[in-house]
C-alpha atoms as a PDB file:
ATOM      1  CA  MET A   1    -126.124-152.379 -87.476  1.00  0.00           C
ATOM      2  CA  PRO A   2    -122.952-150.464 -89.335  1.00  0.00           C
ATOM      3  CA  GLY A   3    -124.067-147.843 -91.673  1.00  0.00           C
ATOM      4  CA  TYR A   4    -127.350-147.334 -89.886  1.00  0.00           C
ATOM      5  CA  GLN A   5    -128.790-144.795 -87.295  1.00  0.00           C
ATOM      6  CA  ALA A   6    -132.644-144.357 -85.765  1.00  0.00           C
ATOM      7  CA  GLY A   7    -133.863-147.376 -87.375  1.00  0.00           C
ATOM      8  CA  HIS A   8    -134.050-147.808 -91.178  1.00  0.00           C
ATOM      9  CA  PHE A   9    -132.445-144.269 -91.893  1.00  0.00           C
ATOM     10  CA  GLN A  10    -129.011-144.296 -93.577  1.00  0.00           C
ATOM     11  CA  HIS A  11    -126.700-142.395 -91.613  1.00  0.00           C
ATOM     12  CA  PRO A  12    -124.548-139.338 -94.122  1.00  0.00           C
ATOM     13  CA  LYS A  13    -121.480-140.281 -93.221  1.00  0.00           C
ATOM     14  CA  ALA A  14    -121.892-144.053 -94.965  1.00  0.00           C
ATOM     15  CA  CYS A  15    -122.775-142.317 -98.346  1.00  0.00           C
ATOM     16  CA  THR A  16    -119.961-139.876 -98.376  1.00  0.00           C
ATOM     17  CA  MET A  17    -118.342-141.209-101.801  1.00  0.00           C
ATOM     18  CA  ASN A  18    -121.397-142.228-103.270  1.00  0.00           C
ATOM     19  CA  GLN A  19    -123.224-140.657-105.770  1.00  0.00           C
ATOM     20  CA  THR A  20    -126.604-140.999-104.283  1.00  0.00           C
ATOM     21  CA  PRO A  21    -127.712-138.603-101.383  1.00  0.00           C
ATOM     22  CA  PRO A  22    -128.339-139.776 -97.858  1.00  0.00           C
ATOM     23  CA  ASP A  23    -131.956-140.295 -97.118  1.00  0.00           C
ATOM     24  CA  ARG A  24    -132.176-137.722 -94.817  1.00  0.00           C
ATOM     25  CA  LEU A  25    -129.718-134.506 -94.254  1.00  0.00           C
ATOM     26  CA  SER A  26    -129.844-131.225 -92.367  1.00  0.00           C
ATOM     27  CA  THR A  27    -128.129-127.496 -92.771  1.00  0.00           C
ATOM     28  CA  ASP A  28    -128.217-127.451 -88.949  1.00  0.00           C
ATOM     29  CA  PRO A  29    -124.877-128.425 -87.212  1.00  0.00           C
ATOM     30  CA  LYS A  30    -126.895-129.258 -83.991  1.00  0.00           C
ATOM     31  CA  SER A  31    -128.645-132.451 -85.837  1.00  0.00           C
ATOM     32  CA  PRO A  32    -127.178-135.860 -86.258  1.00  0.00           C
ATOM     33  CA  TYR A  33    -127.866-135.640 -90.021  1.00  0.00           C
ATOM     34  CA  CYS A  34    -125.528-132.419 -90.450  1.00  0.00           C
ATOM     35  CA  ASP A  35    -122.724-133.711 -92.486  1.00  0.00           C
ATOM     36  CA  PRO A  36    -120.572-130.230 -93.576  1.00  0.00           C
ATOM     37  CA  GLU A  37    -118.434-132.284 -96.354  1.00  0.00           C
ATOM     38  CA  LEU A  38    -121.985-133.432 -98.179  1.00  0.00           C
ATOM     39  CA  LEU A  39    -123.245-130.290 -97.883  1.00  0.00           C
ATOM     40  CA  GLY A  40    -119.974-128.545 -99.325  1.00  0.00           C
ATOM     41  CA  ARG A  41    -120.430-131.010-102.384  1.00  0.00           C
ATOM     42  CA  GLY A  42    -123.893-129.302-103.215  1.00  0.00           C
ATOM     43  CA  ILE A  43    -127.199-130.941-102.743  1.00  0.00           C
ATOM     44  CA  GLY A  44    -130.026-129.740-104.984  1.00  0.00           C
ATOM     45  CA  ILE A  45    -133.521-130.931-103.775  1.00  0.00           C
ATOM     46  CA  LYS A  46    -136.989-131.023-106.125  1.00  0.00           C
ATOM     47  CA  LEU A  47    -140.300-131.742-104.220  1.00  0.00           C
ATOM     48  CA  ASN A  48    -142.682-132.640-106.951  1.00  0.00           C
ATOM     49  CA  GLY A  49    -140.573-131.449-109.407  1.00  0.00           C
ATOM     50  CA  VAL A  50    -140.410-128.482-108.589  1.00  0.00           C
ATOM     51  CA  GLU A  51    -136.530-127.254-107.364  1.00  0.00           C
ATOM     52  CA  LYS A  52    -136.519-125.618-103.742  1.00  0.00           C
ATOM     53  CA  ILE A  53    -133.830-123.456-103.258  1.00  0.00           C
ATOM     54  CA  ASN A  54    -133.961-122.813 -99.184  1.00  0.00           C
ATOM     55  CA  VAL A  55    -134.263-126.415 -97.861  1.00  0.00           C
ATOM     56  CA  ASP A  56    -133.018-126.572 -94.345  1.00  0.00           C
ATOM     57  CA  GLU A  57    -133.648-130.393 -94.026  1.00  0.00           C
ATOM     58  CA  TYR A  58    -134.760-133.262 -96.156  1.00  0.00           C
ATOM     59  CA  CYS A  59    -136.125-137.009 -95.399  1.00  0.00           C
ATOM     60  CA  VAL A  60    -136.804-138.926 -98.816  1.00  0.00           C
ATOM     61  CA  SER A  61    -137.924-142.086 -97.056  1.00  0.00           C
ATOM     62  CA  GLU A  62    -140.652-140.108 -95.114  1.00  0.00           C
ATOM     63  CA  GLY A  63    -141.145-137.718 -97.938  1.00  0.00           C
ATOM     64  CA  TRP A  64    -140.878-134.266 -96.396  1.00  0.00           C
ATOM     65  CA  ILE A  65    -138.612-131.345 -96.709  1.00  0.00           C
ATOM     66  CA  ARG A  66    -138.538-128.240 -94.347  1.00  0.00           C
ATOM     67  CA  ILE A  67    -137.603-124.541 -95.784  1.00  0.00           C
ATOM     68  CA  ALA A  68    -136.850-121.685 -93.871  1.00  0.00           C
ATOM     69  CA  VAL A  69    -139.721-118.873 -93.905  1.00  0.00           C
ATOM     70  CA  ALA A  70    -138.735-115.373 -94.908  1.00  0.00           C
ATOM     71  CA  SER A  71    -136.513-114.004 -91.737  1.00  0.00           C
ATOM     72  CA  THR A  72    -138.339-115.172 -89.365  1.00  0.00           C
ATOM     73  CA  ARG A  73    -136.173-116.185 -86.078  1.00  0.00           C
ATOM     74  CA  ASP A  74    -138.087-118.547 -83.402  1.00  0.00           C
ATOM     75  CA  ARG A  75    -137.362-117.129 -80.005  1.00  0.00           C
ATOM     76  CA  LYS A  76    -134.096-119.001 -79.404  1.00  0.00           C
ATOM     77  CA  GLY A  77    -132.952-117.296 -82.804  1.00  0.00           C
ATOM     78  CA  ASN A  78    -132.851-120.425 -85.102  1.00  0.00           C
ATOM     79  CA  PRO A  79    -134.732-120.457 -88.347  1.00  0.00           C
ATOM     80  CA  LEU A  80    -138.557-120.868 -88.144  1.00  0.00           C
ATOM     81  CA  THR A  81    -139.673-123.393 -90.562  1.00  0.00           C
ATOM     82  CA  ILE A  82    -142.468-125.165 -92.207  1.00  0.00           C
ATOM     83  CA  LYS A  83    -142.495-128.754 -93.073  1.00  0.00           C
ATOM     84  CA  LEU A  84    -143.600-129.516 -97.085  1.00  0.00           C
ATOM     85  CA  LYS A  85    -144.833-132.428 -98.068  1.00  0.00           C
ATOM     86  CA  GLY A  86    -144.026-134.700-101.379  1.00  0.00           C
ATOM     87  CA  MET A  87    -142.280-136.642-103.894  1.00  0.00           C
ATOM     88  CA  VAL A  88    -138.005-135.315-102.608  1.00  0.00           C
ATOM     89  CA  GLU A  89    -135.480-135.915-105.270  1.00  0.00           C
ATOM     90  CA  PRO A  90    -132.037-135.079-103.563  1.00  0.00           C
ATOM     91  CA  TYR A  91    -129.356-134.658-106.253  1.00  0.00           C
ATOM     92  CA  PHE A  92    -125.419-133.489-105.886  1.00  0.00           C
ATOM     93  CA  LYS A  93    -124.733-130.646-108.005  1.00  0.00           C
ATOM     94  CA  ASP A  94    -121.283-131.569-109.174  1.00  0.00           C
ATOM     95  CA  ALA A  95    -122.807-134.054-110.407  1.00  0.00           C
ATOM     96  CA  ALA A  96    -125.694-132.853-112.732  1.00  0.00           C
ATOM     97  CA  ALA A  97    -123.550-130.421-113.678  1.00  0.00           C
ATOM     98  CA  SER A  98    -121.134-132.861-115.056  1.00  0.00           C
ATOM     99  CA  GLU A  99    -123.773-134.332-116.738  1.00  0.00           C
ATOM    100  CA  ALA A 100    -125.143-131.701-118.442  1.00  0.00           C
ATOM    101  CA  GLY A 101    -121.238-131.009-119.425  1.00  0.00           C
ATOM    102  CA  GLU A 102    -121.204-134.419-121.413  1.00  0.00           C
END
C-alpha cells in the first residue's frame, strides 16, 4: 500500500506538507522513521499534557516517547534512552507559533 510502512504506521514522508505530524518520527539518521525535512520544521511533543524538549523518538499510536538520559552513552556511542508511556501529542512548532500570533 502506498504511504504505509511496517503495517499500519504512516511513513513520515507521506505527511511532509500536512499540518499533522506523522504517527512516528525519530531523530536518529539510521532509523527508517527519520525525516530531516520534518525535523527542520520543528516538532514539539507533549506527553500527558507536559511538554518534553529532549525527545529522540515518538509513536502516537503506541503511546510512547524515547528521551535521552543526560549525557550517558551506550557501548556503541549512541545516547542512552528510556521509554516513557502515556498520551503523546506531537505538533509543528511553526504552526503553533502562527496560531499564537493571530
